[in-house]
Amino acid sequence: MPAGVSWGQYLRFTAAALLSMMAGSQTVHLIYRPLEGLDNLVKEKEDEILRQRQASQETSVTSNHASS
């Protein structure tokens, strides 16, 4: 194994690292709640994109009529 450690030590360290990462991730999602407002942010961004598309379509239609 790498660095001259036994399989048992390597597997114990790997399991401890995995459990530590999982516990940290769960703690972040329970305490800081990073995904709490995600649905609202996505909806706001979709609405903003729709408004921009509608505005650009109206501008192109107006410029086409003006040039005719």
N, C-alpha and C. Protein backbone atom coordinates (compact mmCIF):
# COMPACT_ATOMS: atom_id res chain seq x y z
N MET A 1 0.84 -1.19 0.00
CA MET A 1 0.00 0.00 0.00
C MET A 1 0.88 1.25 0.00
N PRO A 2 0.29 2.39 -0.35
CA PRO A 2 1.06 3.64 -0.37
C PRO A 2 1.60 4.00 1.03
N ALA A 3 2.76 4.56 1.04
CA ALA A 3 3.42 5.06 2.26
C ALA A 3 3.69 3.96 3.27
N GLY A 4 3.66 2.73 2.87
CA GLY A 4 4.01 1.63 3.75
C GLY A 4 3.00 1.34 4.85
N VAL A 5 1.73 1.67 4.66
CA VAL A 5 0.71 1.36 5.67
C VAL A 5 0.01 0.06 5.28
N SER A 6 -0.55 -0.59 6.26
CA SER A 6 -1.23 -1.86 5.99
C SER A 6 -2.62 -1.59 5.39
N TRP A 7 -3.20 -2.66 4.82
CA TRP A 7 -4.54 -2.54 4.27
C TRP A 7 -5.55 -2.11 5.33
N GLY A 8 -5.41 -2.64 6.53
CA GLY A 8 -6.33 -2.29 7.61
C GLY A 8 -6.28 -0.81 7.95
N GLN A 9 -5.07 -0.27 8.08
CA GLN A 9 -4.94 1.15 8.38
C GLN A 9 -5.49 2.00 7.23
N TYR A 10 -5.18 1.60 6.02
CA TYR A 10 -5.65 2.33 4.85
C TYR A 10 -7.18 2.35 4.79
N LEU A 11 -7.81 1.21 5.01
CA LEU A 11 -9.27 1.13 4.96
C LEU A 11 -9.91 1.89 6.12
N ARG A 12 -9.31 1.82 7.32
CA ARG A 12 -9.83 2.58 8.46
C ARG A 12 -9.77 4.08 8.19
N PHE A 13 -8.65 4.54 7.68
CA PHE A 13 -8.52 5.96 7.37
C PHE A 13 -9.52 6.38 6.30
N THR A 14 -9.67 5.56 5.27
CA THR A 14 -10.62 5.87 4.19
C THR A 14 -12.05 5.93 4.72
N ALA A 15 -12.43 4.99 5.57
CA ALA A 15 -13.78 4.99 6.15
C ALA A 15 -13.98 6.21 7.04
N ALA A 16 -12.97 6.56 7.84
CA ALA A 16 -13.08 7.72 8.71
C ALA A 16 -13.21 9.00 7.88
N ALA A 17 -12.46 9.11 6.80
CA ALA A 17 -12.54 10.29 5.93
C ALA A 17 -13.91 10.39 5.28
N LEU A 18 -14.44 9.27 4.81
CA LEU A 18 -15.76 9.26 4.18
C LEU A 18 -16.85 9.67 5.16
N LEU A 19 -16.83 9.09 6.36
CA LEU A 19 -17.83 9.44 7.37
C LEU A 19 -17.71 10.90 7.77
N SER A 20 -16.50 11.41 7.88
CA SER A 20 -16.28 12.81 8.23
C SER A 20 -16.86 13.73 7.16
N MET A 21 -16.63 13.42 5.89
CA MET A 21 -17.18 14.24 4.80
C MET A 21 -18.70 14.21 4.80
N MET A 22 -19.27 13.04 5.03
CA MET A 22 -20.73 12.92 5.04
C MET A 22 -21.33 13.71 6.20
N ALA A 23 -20.71 13.61 7.38
CA ALA A 23 -21.21 14.35 8.54
C ALA A 23 -21.09 15.85 8.32
N GLY A 24 -19.99 16.29 7.73
CA GLY A 24 -19.81 17.71 7.45
C GLY A 24 -20.84 18.23 6.46
N SER A 25 -21.10 17.46 5.44
CA SER A 25 -22.10 17.86 4.45
C SER A 25 -23.49 17.95 5.07
N GLN A 26 -23.83 16.98 5.89
CA GLN A 26 -25.14 16.99 6.54
C GLN A 26 -25.25 18.19 7.48
N THR A 27 -24.19 18.50 8.21
CA THR A 27 -24.19 19.64 9.13
C THR A 27 -24.41 20.94 8.36
N VAL A 28 -23.71 21.11 7.26
CA VAL A 28 -23.88 22.32 6.46
C VAL A 28 -25.32 22.46 5.99
N HIS A 29 -25.92 21.36 5.52
CA HIS A 29 -27.28 21.46 5.01
C HIS A 29 -28.32 21.62 6.11
N LEU A 30 -28.04 21.18 7.31
CA LEU A 30 -28.98 21.36 8.41
C LEU A 30 -28.87 22.73 9.05
N ILE A 31 -27.65 23.24 9.19
CA ILE A 31 -27.45 24.50 9.90
C ILE A 31 -27.53 25.70 8.96
N TYR A 32 -26.78 25.67 7.86
CA TYR A 32 -26.70 26.83 6.98
C TYR A 32 -27.77 26.84 5.90
N ARG A 33 -28.35 25.71 5.61
CA ARG A 33 -29.45 25.56 4.66
C ARG A 33 -29.20 26.27 3.32
N PRO A 34 -28.16 25.87 2.59
CA PRO A 34 -27.82 26.57 1.36
C PRO A 34 -28.85 26.41 0.24
N LEU A 35 -29.70 25.40 0.29
CA LEU A 35 -30.66 25.17 -0.79
C LEU A 35 -32.05 25.70 -0.48
N GLU A 36 -32.19 26.40 0.65
CA GLU A 36 -33.52 26.83 1.10
C GLU A 36 -34.24 27.71 0.09
N GLY A 37 -33.58 28.68 -0.49
CA GLY A 37 -34.24 29.61 -1.40
C GLY A 37 -33.97 29.33 -2.86
N LEU A 38 -33.46 28.15 -3.18
CA LEU A 38 -33.06 27.84 -4.55
C LEU A 38 -34.23 27.90 -5.52
N ASP A 39 -35.39 27.37 -5.12
CA ASP A 39 -36.55 27.38 -6.02
C ASP A 39 -36.94 28.80 -6.40
N ASN A 40 -36.93 29.71 -5.41
CA ASN A 40 -37.28 31.10 -5.69
C ASN A 40 -36.25 31.76 -6.61
N LEU A 41 -34.97 31.48 -6.38
CA LEU A 41 -33.93 32.06 -7.22
C LEU A 41 -34.05 31.59 -8.66
N VAL A 42 -34.35 30.30 -8.85
CA VAL A 42 -34.50 29.76 -10.20
C VAL A 42 -35.71 30.39 -10.89
N LYS A 43 -36.81 30.53 -10.18
CA LYS A 43 -38.02 31.13 -10.76
C LYS A 43 -37.77 32.60 -11.14
N GLU A 44 -37.08 33.35 -10.28
CA GLU A 44 -36.78 34.74 -10.58
C GLU A 44 -35.90 34.85 -11.83
N LYS A 45 -34.91 33.98 -11.94
CA LYS A 45 -34.01 34.01 -13.09
C LYS A 45 -34.76 33.65 -14.37
N GLU A 46 -35.65 32.65 -14.30
CA GLU A 46 -36.45 32.28 -15.47
C GLU A 46 -37.32 33.44 -15.91
N ASP A 47 -37.96 34.12 -14.95
CA ASP A 47 -38.80 35.27 -15.28
C ASP A 47 -37.98 36.39 -15.92
N GLU A 48 -36.78 36.63 -15.40
CA GLU A 48 -35.90 37.66 -15.94
C GLU A 48 -35.51 37.34 -17.38
N ILE A 49 -35.19 36.09 -17.65
CA ILE A 49 -34.81 35.68 -19.01
C ILE A 49 -35.99 35.84 -19.96
N LEU A 50 -37.19 35.47 -19.49
CA LEU A 50 -38.39 35.63 -20.33
C LEU A 50 -38.64 37.09 -20.67
N ARG A 51 -38.49 37.97 -19.67
CA ARG A 51 -38.69 39.40 -19.91
C ARG A 51 -37.67 39.92 -20.91
N GLN A 52 -36.41 39.47 -20.81
CA GLN A 52 -35.38 39.92 -21.75
C GLN A 52 -35.69 39.44 -23.16
N ARG A 53 -36.14 38.21 -23.29
CA ARG A 53 -36.48 37.68 -24.63
C ARG A 53 -37.64 38.45 -25.24
N GLN A 54 -38.68 38.72 -24.42
CA GLN A 54 -39.84 39.45 -24.92
C GLN A 54 -39.44 40.87 -25.34
N ALA A 55 -38.58 41.50 -24.54
CA ALA A 55 -38.15 42.85 -24.87
C ALA A 55 -37.34 42.86 -26.16
N SER A 56 -36.48 41.87 -26.36
CA SER A 56 -35.68 41.84 -27.58
C SER A 56 -36.55 41.53 -28.80
N GLN A 57 -37.59 40.70 -28.62
CA GLN A 57 -38.49 40.40 -29.74
C GLN A 57 -39.31 41.64 -30.09
N GLU A 58 -39.77 42.37 -29.09
CA GLU A 58 -40.53 43.59 -29.35
C GLU A 58 -39.66 44.62 -30.05
N THR A 59 -38.39 44.71 -29.66
CA THR A 59 -37.48 45.66 -30.29
C THR A 59 -37.23 45.29 -31.74
N SER A 60 -37.07 43.99 -32.01
CA SER A 60 -36.82 43.58 -33.40
C SER A 60 -38.05 43.78 -34.26
N VAL A 61 -39.22 43.55 -33.70
CA VAL A 61 -40.47 43.75 -34.45
C VAL A 61 -40.64 45.23 -34.75
N THR A 62 -40.37 46.09 -33.78
CA THR A 62 -40.50 47.54 -33.96
C THR A 62 -39.52 48.04 -34.98
N SER A 63 -38.28 47.56 -34.95
CA SER A 63 -37.27 48.01 -35.91
C SER A 63 -37.60 47.50 -37.31
N ASN A 64 -38.21 46.31 -37.42
CA ASN A 64 -38.60 45.80 -38.74
C ASN A 64 -39.71 46.64 -39.35
N HIS A 65 -40.67 47.06 -38.53
CA HIS A 65 -41.77 47.90 -39.01
C HIS A 65 -41.26 49.28 -39.39
N ALA A 66 -40.33 49.80 -38.66
CA ALA A 66 -39.79 51.13 -38.93
C ALA A 66 -39.00 51.14 -40.23
N SER A 67 -38.31 50.06 -40.55
CA SER A 67 -37.50 50.02 -41.76
C SER A 67 -38.34 49.73 -43.01
N SER A 68 -39.57 49.29 -42.84
CA SER A 68 -40.43 48.95 -44.00
C SER A 68 -41.00 50.15 -44.68
